[in-house]
Amino acid sequence: STQSTWGDWRFHKGLKLWFTRPPGTEPTSKSPTYEKGSYLVFDPEKWVKNRKDDFTLVYDQLEEKTTVQTMEQQPGEGSEASASGAKETK
């Protein structure tokens, strides 16, 4: 489960930066609430990617992961109702 979580970039809410582990790396220490290690860090304001070593990443400071499936509308759920509802609204 950890591998799938960290296969992608994660957004740090406090620092406003994106984090991921470099390929082939594992944390140097880990607990249920944080991990410490090396990370690739993307700064969207400066549009640069750097590496941070010996960095402690606290899990509750990261945005929840979302997937395309959770954001997509399920087939047949409201697409027709929304269109007809929009037409009827005056």
Foldseek 3Di string as FASTA:
>chain_A
DVCVVQVDWWAQQPVRKIWHQDPPDDFPDDDPFKTFAKIWIAHPVVRDIDIDGRDIGGVVRTDDDDDPVVVDDDPPPCPVVVVVVVVPDD
